[in-house]
Amino acid sequence: MYQLNERQIKICEEAGLPTNYDELTPSQQSSIERIEELLQYLDKTYNTTFFYKGYSNGGVLEGEWLEAYSAITSELYPMRLEVDKNGNMSDNYYEVLAEILLGDDSQTYLNQHLDNQFKVFVSDCRMKNRKESGNMDDLNANVSAEFTVFVKGKSHKNDLEQYAQELVKWFKLHDIYGRSNFIMVSDEYFKTLNVGNYGHAKLEDNTEISLSCDMSEDGIINIY
């Protein structure tokens, strides 16, 4: 008789489903078994424990996928495992780890070198050589990404250009390239920003002025 483990029971509880396997519908049984199979694959691949965030068994417009987060990240930093029609698996776990590290290091750099306060969030990370990153040395000359930089308080366009130039110095220090978007927001709104809501902030009325800065792989800088 199939027995749900602790991880599967928690998934069922959060979904409002029975925690007794025999009380689940055949479709629910198939999904809960498959989710655990994929989570165990991640556990083994990365030698850490993963937790469920979301799942789809695929359909006409998309393939099967699982969203999960690891014991060393958090629910705010989910990774995505995708399974194609041939059963081949791919995921972005190393990229998620890199995004956390890039955001923390660039934010610390800006706050130390400039007379203002910044929050930096990183997305769309791409690695030339996919590997686990324990520190910035592992990322040097190996990644590109998009940086969203929120600036606290009153600033002028010229200030944002100065901030962008300072981030370019950090890019060059680590041989990293990509796009950065600087967005000035009020002091109160700045306090509310986190990795879970910053994407919406770029589209809301709280944005006062903004500026973008692109740095290509060959070092060409474009501020606009």
C-alpha atoms as a PDB file:
ATOM      1  CA  MET A   1       0.000   0.000   0.000  1.00  0.00           C
ATOM      2  CA  TYR A   2       1.354   3.442  -0.999  1.00  0.00           C
ATOM      3  CA  GLN A   3       2.027   5.731   1.969  1.00  0.00           C
ATOM      4  CA  LEU A   4       2.382   9.497   1.732  1.00  0.00           C
ATOM      5  CA  ASN A   5       5.572  10.856   3.274  1.00  0.00           C
ATOM      6  CA  GLU A   6       5.818  14.032   5.341  1.00  0.00           C
ATOM      7  CA  ARG A   7       6.520  16.213   2.337  1.00  0.00           C
ATOM      8  CA  GLN A   8       3.535  14.839   0.419  1.00  0.00           C
ATOM      9  CA  ILE A   9       1.238  15.209   3.424  1.00  0.00           C
ATOM     10  CA  LYS A  10       2.181  18.881   3.713  1.00  0.00           C
ATOM     11  CA  ILE A  11       1.423  19.412   0.012  1.00  0.00           C
ATOM     12  CA  CYS A  12      -2.006  17.823   0.451  1.00  0.00           C
ATOM     13  CA  GLU A  13      -2.728  19.864   3.578  1.00  0.00           C
ATOM     14  CA  GLU A  14      -1.856  23.128   1.872  1.00  0.00           C
ATOM     15  CA  ALA A  15      -4.041  22.193  -1.110  1.00  0.00           C
ATOM     16  CA  GLY A  16      -6.949  21.213   1.123  1.00  0.00           C
ATOM     17  CA  LEU A  17      -6.795  17.576   0.001  1.00  0.00           C
ATOM     18  CA  PRO A  18      -7.096  14.378   2.067  1.00  0.00           C
ATOM     19  CA  THR A  19      -3.823  13.256   3.631  1.00  0.00           C
ATOM     20  CA  ASN A  20      -4.790   9.602   3.259  1.00  0.00           C
ATOM     21  CA  TYR A  21      -3.548   8.326  -0.104  1.00  0.00           C
ATOM     22  CA  ASP A  22      -6.582   6.062  -0.630  1.00  0.00           C
ATOM     23  CA  GLU A  23      -8.943   9.043  -0.242  1.00  0.00           C
ATOM     24  CA  LEU A  24      -7.318  10.904  -3.162  1.00  0.00           C
ATOM     25  CA  THR A  25      -8.744  10.624  -6.658  1.00  0.00           C
ATOM     26  CA  PRO A  26      -6.695   8.675  -9.238  1.00  0.00           C
ATOM     27  CA  SER A  27      -5.621  11.967 -10.818  1.00  0.00           C
ATOM     28  CA  GLN A  28      -4.545  13.384  -7.456  1.00  0.00           C
ATOM     29  CA  GLN A  29      -2.669  10.179  -6.616  1.00  0.00           C
ATOM     30  CA  SER A  30      -0.805  10.359  -9.920  1.00  0.00           C
ATOM     31  CA  SER A  31       0.136  14.012  -9.363  1.00  0.00           C
ATOM     32  CA  ILE A  32       1.301  13.599  -5.753  1.00  0.00           C
ATOM     33  CA  GLU A  33       3.456  10.617  -6.737  1.00  0.00           C
ATOM     34  CA  ARG A  34       4.942  12.500  -9.689  1.00  0.00           C
ATOM     35  CA  ILE A  35       5.659  15.605  -7.621  1.00  0.00           C
ATOM     36  CA  GLU A  36       7.567  13.516  -5.095  1.00  0.00           C
ATOM     37  CA  GLU A  37       9.477  11.790  -7.903  1.00  0.00           C
ATOM     38  CA  LEU A  38      10.603  15.158  -9.277  1.00  0.00           C
ATOM     39  CA  LEU A  39      11.470  16.509  -5.828  1.00  0.00           C
ATOM     40  CA  GLN A  40      13.588  13.430  -5.129  1.00  0.00           C
ATOM     41  CA  TYR A  41      15.360  13.999  -8.448  1.00  0.00           C
ATOM     42  CA  LEU A  42      16.260  17.524  -7.322  1.00  0.00           C
ATOM     43  CA  ASP A  43      17.275  16.305  -3.845  1.00  0.00           C
ATOM     44  CA  LYS A  44      19.697  13.833  -5.386  1.00  0.00           C
ATOM     45  CA  THR A  45      20.988  16.152  -8.105  1.00  0.00           C
ATOM     46  CA  TYR A  46      21.845  19.034  -5.773  1.00  0.00           C
ATOM     47  CA  ASN A  47      22.388  17.145  -2.504  1.00  0.00           C
ATOM     48  CA  THR A  48      19.910  19.242  -0.544  1.00  0.00           C
ATOM     49  CA  THR A  49      16.214  19.124   0.315  1.00  0.00           C
ATOM     50  CA  PHE A  50      13.641  20.755  -1.937  1.00  0.00           C
ATOM     51  CA  PHE A  51      10.118  21.882  -1.102  1.00  0.00           C
ATOM     52  CA  TYR A  52       7.070  22.092  -3.331  1.00  0.00           C
ATOM     53  CA  LYS A  53       5.896  25.428  -4.750  1.00  0.00           C
ATOM     54  CA  GLY A  54       3.783  24.529  -7.799  1.00  0.00           C
ATOM     55  CA  TYR A  55       3.242  21.853 -10.432  1.00  0.00           C
ATOM     56  CA  SER A  56       1.606  21.275 -13.815  1.00  0.00           C
ATOM     57  CA  ASN A  57       1.532  18.004 -15.697  1.00  0.00           C
ATOM     58  CA  GLY A  58       1.498  19.925 -18.936  1.00  0.00           C
ATOM     59  CA  GLY A  59      -1.014  20.495 -21.667  1.00  0.00           C
ATOM     60  CA  VAL A  60      -1.430  21.676 -25.224  1.00  0.00           C
ATOM     61  CA  LEU A  61       0.516  24.915 -24.776  1.00  0.00           C
ATOM     62  CA  GLU A  62       3.161  23.894 -22.240  1.00  0.00           C
ATOM     63  CA  GLY A  63       5.110  20.903 -21.008  1.00  0.00           C
ATOM     64  CA  GLU A  64       5.318  19.452 -17.526  1.00  0.00           C
ATOM     65  CA  TRP A  65       6.966  21.653 -14.897  1.00  0.00           C
ATOM     66  CA  LEU A  66       7.636  21.842 -11.171  1.00  0.00           C
ATOM     67  CA  GLU A  67       8.436  24.917  -9.098  1.00  0.00           C
ATOM     68  CA  ALA A  68      10.334  24.310  -5.872  1.00  0.00           C
ATOM     69  CA  TYR A  69      12.730  25.966  -3.462  1.00  0.00           C
ATOM     70  CA  SER A  70      15.623  24.488  -1.574  1.00  0.00           C
ATOM     71  CA  ALA A  71      16.582  24.343   2.081  1.00  0.00           C
ATOM     72  CA  ILE A  72      19.310  26.920   1.405  1.00  0.00           C
ATOM     73  CA  THR A  73      17.172  29.493  -0.433  1.00  0.00           C
ATOM     74  CA  SER A  74      13.568  30.329   0.501  1.00  0.00           C
ATOM     75  CA  GLU A  75      10.052  30.291  -0.891  1.00  0.00           C
ATOM     76  CA  LEU A  76      10.721  33.755  -2.321  1.00  0.00           C
ATOM     77  CA  TYR A  77      13.388  32.277  -4.622  1.00  0.00           C
ATOM     78  CA  PRO A  78      11.708  29.353  -6.408  1.00  0.00           C
ATOM     79  CA  MET A  79      13.450  27.434  -9.158  1.00  0.00           C
ATOM     80  CA  ARG A  80      11.756  25.759 -12.109  1.00  0.00           C
ATOM     81  CA  LEU A  81      12.246  22.210 -13.368  1.00  0.00           C
ATOM     82  CA  GLU A  82      10.882  21.523 -16.848  1.00  0.00           C
ATOM     83  CA  VAL A  83      10.324  18.136 -18.500  1.00  0.00           C
ATOM     84  CA  ASP A  84      10.040  17.954 -22.286  1.00  0.00           C
ATOM     85  CA  LYS A  85       7.952  15.462 -24.246  1.00  0.00           C
ATOM     86  CA  ASN A  86      10.926  13.068 -24.382  1.00  0.00           C
ATOM     87  CA  GLY A  87      11.341  13.108 -20.597  1.00  0.00           C
ATOM     88  CA  ASN A  88      14.473  15.276 -20.627  1.00  0.00           C
ATOM     89  CA  MET A  89      14.768  17.527 -17.580  1.00  0.00           C
ATOM     90  CA  SER A  90      16.228  21.013 -17.296  1.00  0.00           C
ATOM     91  CA  ASP A  91      16.189  23.523 -14.463  1.00  0.00           C
ATOM     92  CA  ASN A  92      17.506  26.928 -13.411  1.00  0.00           C
ATOM     93  CA  TYR A  93      18.617  26.198  -9.839  1.00  0.00           C
ATOM     94  CA  TYR A  94      22.211  27.364 -10.345  1.00  0.00           C
ATOM     95  CA  GLU A  95      20.893  30.532 -11.953  1.00  0.00           C
ATOM     96  CA  VAL A  96      18.613  31.227  -8.967  1.00  0.00           C
ATOM     97  CA  LEU A  97      21.543  30.823  -6.576  1.00  0.00           C
ATOM     98  CA  ALA A  98      23.563  33.197  -8.747  1.00  0.00           C
ATOM     99  CA  GLU A  99      20.764  35.798  -8.789  1.00  0.00           C
ATOM    100  CA  ILE A 100      20.661  35.847  -4.983  1.00  0.00           C
ATOM    101  CA  LEU A 101      24.425  36.279  -4.769  1.00  0.00           C
ATOM    102  CA  LEU A 102      24.561  38.940  -7.492  1.00  0.00           C
ATOM    103  CA  GLY A 103      21.779  40.945  -5.848  1.00  0.00           C
ATOM    104  CA  ASP A 104      23.337  40.838  -2.382  1.00  0.00           C
ATOM    105  CA  ASP A 105      26.842  41.741  -3.575  1.00  0.00           C
ATOM    106  CA  SER A 106      25.831  44.576  -5.930  1.00  0.00           C
ATOM    107  CA  GLN A 107      23.475  46.056  -3.328  1.00  0.00           C
ATOM    108  CA  THR A 108      26.220  46.024  -0.688  1.00  0.00           C
ATOM    109  CA  TYR A 109      28.618  47.639  -3.168  1.00  0.00           C
ATOM    110  CA  LEU A 110      26.235  50.482  -4.052  1.00  0.00           C
ATOM    111  CA  ASN A 111      25.296  51.163  -0.431  1.00  0.00           C
ATOM    112  CA  GLN A 112      28.983  51.337   0.527  1.00  0.00           C
ATOM    113  CA  HIS A 113      30.112  53.537  -2.365  1.00  0.00           C
ATOM    114  CA  LEU A 114      27.222  55.974  -2.773  1.00  0.00           C
ATOM    115  CA  ASP A 115      25.443  58.423  -0.484  1.00  0.00           C
ATOM    116  CA  ASN A 116      21.998  56.838  -0.751  1.00  0.00           C
ATOM    117  CA  GLN A 117      20.168  53.577  -0.039  1.00  0.00           C
ATOM    118  CA  PHE A 118      19.523  50.914  -2.660  1.00  0.00           C
ATOM    119  CA  LYS A 119      17.681  47.625  -3.058  1.00  0.00           C
ATOM    120  CA  VAL A 120      18.822  45.387  -5.901  1.00  0.00           C
ATOM    121  CA  PHE A 121      16.862  42.492  -7.407  1.00  0.00           C
ATOM    122  CA  VAL A 122      18.289  40.259 -10.129  1.00  0.00           C
ATOM    123  CA  SER A 123      16.490  38.229 -12.788  1.00  0.00           C
ATOM    124  CA  ASP A 124      17.084  36.514 -16.134  1.00  0.00           C
ATOM    125  CA  CYS A 125      20.532  35.248 -15.107  1.00  0.00           C
ATOM    126  CA  ARG A 126      22.419  33.321 -17.773  1.00  0.00           C
ATOM    127  CA  MET A 127      25.595  31.364 -17.144  1.00  0.00           C
ATOM    128  CA  LYS A 128      28.262  30.461 -19.664  1.00  0.00           C
ATOM    129  CA  ASN A 129      29.414  27.585 -17.489  1.00  0.00           C
ATOM    130  CA  ARG A 130      26.608  26.245 -15.297  1.00  0.00           C
ATOM    131  CA  LYS A 131      27.922  25.533 -11.815  1.00  0.00           C
ATOM    132  CA  GLU A 132      27.090  26.160  -8.182  1.00  0.00           C
ATOM    133  CA  SER A 133      28.192  29.600  -6.987  1.00  0.00           C
ATOM    134  CA  GLY A 134      29.353  29.903  -3.411  1.00  0.00           C
ATOM    135  CA  ASN A 135      30.893  33.366  -3.803  1.00  0.00           C
ATOM    136  CA  MET A 136      31.429  36.079  -6.397  1.00  0.00           C
ATOM    137  CA  ASP A 137      34.663  34.490  -7.612  1.00  0.00           C
ATOM    138  CA  ASP A 138      32.545  31.648  -9.004  1.00  0.00           C
ATOM    139  CA  LEU A 139      30.541  34.154 -11.062  1.00  0.00           C
ATOM    140  CA  ASN A 140      33.340  36.326 -12.429  1.00  0.00           C
ATOM    141  CA  ALA A 141      33.298  36.338 -16.252  1.00  0.00           C
ATOM    142  CA  ASN A 142      30.536  33.735 -16.206  1.00  0.00           C
ATOM    143  CA  VAL A 143      27.140  35.482 -16.096  1.00  0.00           C
ATOM    144  CA  SER A 144      24.842  38.084 -17.573  1.00  0.00           C
ATOM    145  CA  ALA A 145      21.663  39.247 -15.860  1.00  0.00           C
ATOM    146  CA  GLU A 146      19.084  41.983 -15.470  1.00  0.00           C
ATOM    147  CA  PHE A 147      19.398  44.201 -12.388  1.00  0.00           C
ATOM    148  CA  THR A 148      16.496  46.224 -11.019  1.00  0.00           C
ATOM    149  CA  VAL A 149      17.829  48.873  -8.645  1.00  0.00           C
ATOM    150  CA  PHE A 150      15.448  50.847  -6.464  1.00  0.00           C
ATOM    151  CA  VAL A 151      16.726  54.184  -5.156  1.00  0.00           C
ATOM    152  CA  LYS A 152      15.354  55.627  -1.940  1.00  0.00           C
ATOM    153  CA  GLY A 153      14.139  59.201  -1.741  1.00  0.00           C
ATOM    154  CA  LYS A 154      14.589  62.270  -3.880  1.00  0.00           C
ATOM    155  CA  SER A 155      17.071  62.066  -6.737  1.00  0.00           C
ATOM    156  CA  HIS A 156      17.521  63.724 -10.105  1.00  0.00           C
ATOM    157  CA  LYS A 157      18.190  62.147 -13.484  1.00  0.00           C
ATOM    158  CA  ASN A 158      21.850  63.106 -13.163  1.00  0.00           C
ATOM    159  CA  ASP A 159      21.998  61.264  -9.835  1.00  0.00           C
ATOM    160  CA  LEU A 160      20.660  58.100 -11.450  1.00  0.00           C
ATOM    161  CA  GLU A 161      23.299  58.392 -14.168  1.00  0.00           C
ATOM    162  CA  GLN A 162      25.967  58.585 -11.458  1.00  0.00           C
ATOM    163  CA  TYR A 163      24.507  55.513  -9.752  1.00  0.00           C
ATOM    164  CA  ALA A 164      24.475  53.634 -13.068  1.00  0.00           C
ATOM    165  CA  GLN A 165      28.119  54.497 -13.683  1.00  0.00           C
ATOM    166  CA  GLU A 166      28.987  53.153 -10.231  1.00  0.00           C
ATOM    167  CA  LEU A 167      27.209  49.879 -10.952  1.00  0.00           C
ATOM    168  CA  VAL A 168      29.143  49.668 -14.225  1.00  0.00           C
ATOM    169  CA  LYS A 169      32.326  49.737 -12.131  1.00  0.00           C
ATOM    170  CA  TRP A 170      31.005  46.720 -10.222  1.00  0.00           C
ATOM    171  CA  PHE A 171      30.150  45.025 -13.522  1.00  0.00           C
ATOM    172  CA  LYS A 172      33.710  45.548 -14.731  1.00  0.00           C
ATOM    173  CA  LEU A 173      35.172  44.428 -11.401  1.00  0.00           C
ATOM    174  CA  HIS A 174      33.520  41.022 -11.845  1.00  0.00           C
ATOM    175  CA  ASP A 175      33.523  40.922 -15.665  1.00  0.00           C
ATOM    176  CA  ILE A 176      29.724  40.725 -15.661  1.00  0.00           C
ATOM    177  CA  TYR A 177      27.412  42.282 -18.210  1.00  0.00           C
ATOM    178  CA  GLY A 178      23.705  42.910 -18.634  1.00  0.00           C
ATOM    179  CA  ARG A 179      20.970  45.491 -18.171  1.00  0.00           C
ATOM    180  CA  SER A 180      20.280  47.605 -15.106  1.00  0.00           C
ATOM    181  CA  ASN A 181      17.119  49.575 -14.445  1.00  0.00           C
ATOM    182  CA  PHE A 182      17.315  52.332 -11.823  1.00  0.00           C
ATOM    183  CA  ILE A 183      14.000  53.376 -10.311  1.00  0.00           C
ATOM    184  CA  MET A 184      13.548  56.128  -7.727  1.00  0.00           C
ATOM    185  CA  VAL A 185      10.709  55.638  -5.230  1.00  0.00           C
ATOM    186  CA  SER A 186       9.527  57.392  -2.083  1.00  0.00           C
ATOM    187  CA  ASP A 187      11.019  56.569   1.307  1.00  0.00           C
ATOM    188  CA  GLU A 188       7.829  54.851   2.477  1.00  0.00           C
ATOM    189  CA  TYR A 189       7.451  52.771  -0.673  1.00  0.00           C
ATOM    190  CA  PHE A 190      11.123  51.802  -0.550  1.00  0.00           C
ATOM    191  CA  LYS A 191      10.540  50.140   2.823  1.00  0.00           C
ATOM    192  CA  THR A 192       7.882  47.821   1.370  1.00  0.00           C
ATOM    193  CA  LEU A 193       9.958  46.456  -1.520  1.00  0.00           C
ATOM    194  CA  ASN A 194      11.060  42.833  -1.506  1.00  0.00           C
ATOM    195  CA  VAL A 195      11.848  40.088  -4.001  1.00  0.00           C
ATOM    196  CA  GLY A 196       8.209  39.029  -4.016  1.00  0.00           C
ATOM    197  CA  ASN A 197       6.671  42.356  -5.034  1.00  0.00           C
ATOM    198  CA  TYR A 198       9.334  44.392  -6.833  1.00  0.00           C
ATOM    199  CA  GLY A 199       8.144  43.265 -10.278  1.00  0.00           C
ATOM    200  CA  HIS A 200       4.814  44.986  -9.741  1.00  0.00           C
ATOM    201  CA  ALA A 201       6.509  48.114  -8.432  1.00  0.00           C
ATOM    202  CA  LYS A 202       8.020  48.824 -11.850  1.00  0.00           C
ATOM    203  CA  LEU A 203       4.520  49.218 -13.256  1.00  0.00           C
ATOM    204  CA  GLU A 204       2.922  51.246 -10.484  1.00  0.00           C
ATOM    205  CA  ASP A 205       2.481  54.977  -9.926  1.00  0.00           C
ATOM    206  CA  ASN A 206       4.978  54.975  -7.064  1.00  0.00           C
ATOM    207  CA  THR A 207       7.815  55.171  -9.583  1.00  0.00           C
ATOM    208  CA  GLU A 208       9.009  58.780  -9.769  1.00  0.00           C
ATOM    209  CA  ILE A 209      11.898  58.742 -12.254  1.00  0.00           C
ATOM    210  CA  SER A 210      13.810  55.914 -13.877  1.00  0.00           C
ATOM    211  CA  LEU A 211      16.850  55.223 -16.019  1.00  0.00           C
ATOM    212  CA  SER A 212      18.270  52.178 -17.804  1.00  0.00           C
ATOM    213  CA  CYS A 213      21.875  51.208 -18.424  1.00  0.00           C
ATOM    214  CA  ASP A 214      23.035  48.421 -20.722  1.00  0.00           C
ATOM    215  CA  MET A 215      26.534  46.975 -20.705  1.00  0.00           C
ATOM    216  CA  SER A 216      27.302  44.522 -23.498  1.00  0.00           C
ATOM    217  CA  GLU A 217      29.702  41.609 -23.294  1.00  0.00           C
ATOM    218  CA  ASP A 218      32.316  43.609 -25.190  1.00  0.00           C
ATOM    219  CA  GLY A 219      32.070  46.474 -22.700  1.00  0.00           C
ATOM    220  CA  ILE A 220      29.916  48.935 -24.659  1.00  0.00           C
ATOM    221  CA  ILE A 221      27.810  51.073 -22.279  1.00  0.00           C
ATOM    222  CA  ASN A 222      24.491  52.655 -23.188  1.00  0.00           C
ATOM    223  CA  ILE A 223      22.613  54.846 -20.689  1.00  0.00           C
ATOM    224  CA  TYR A 224      19.114  56.029 -21.548  1.00  0.00           C
END
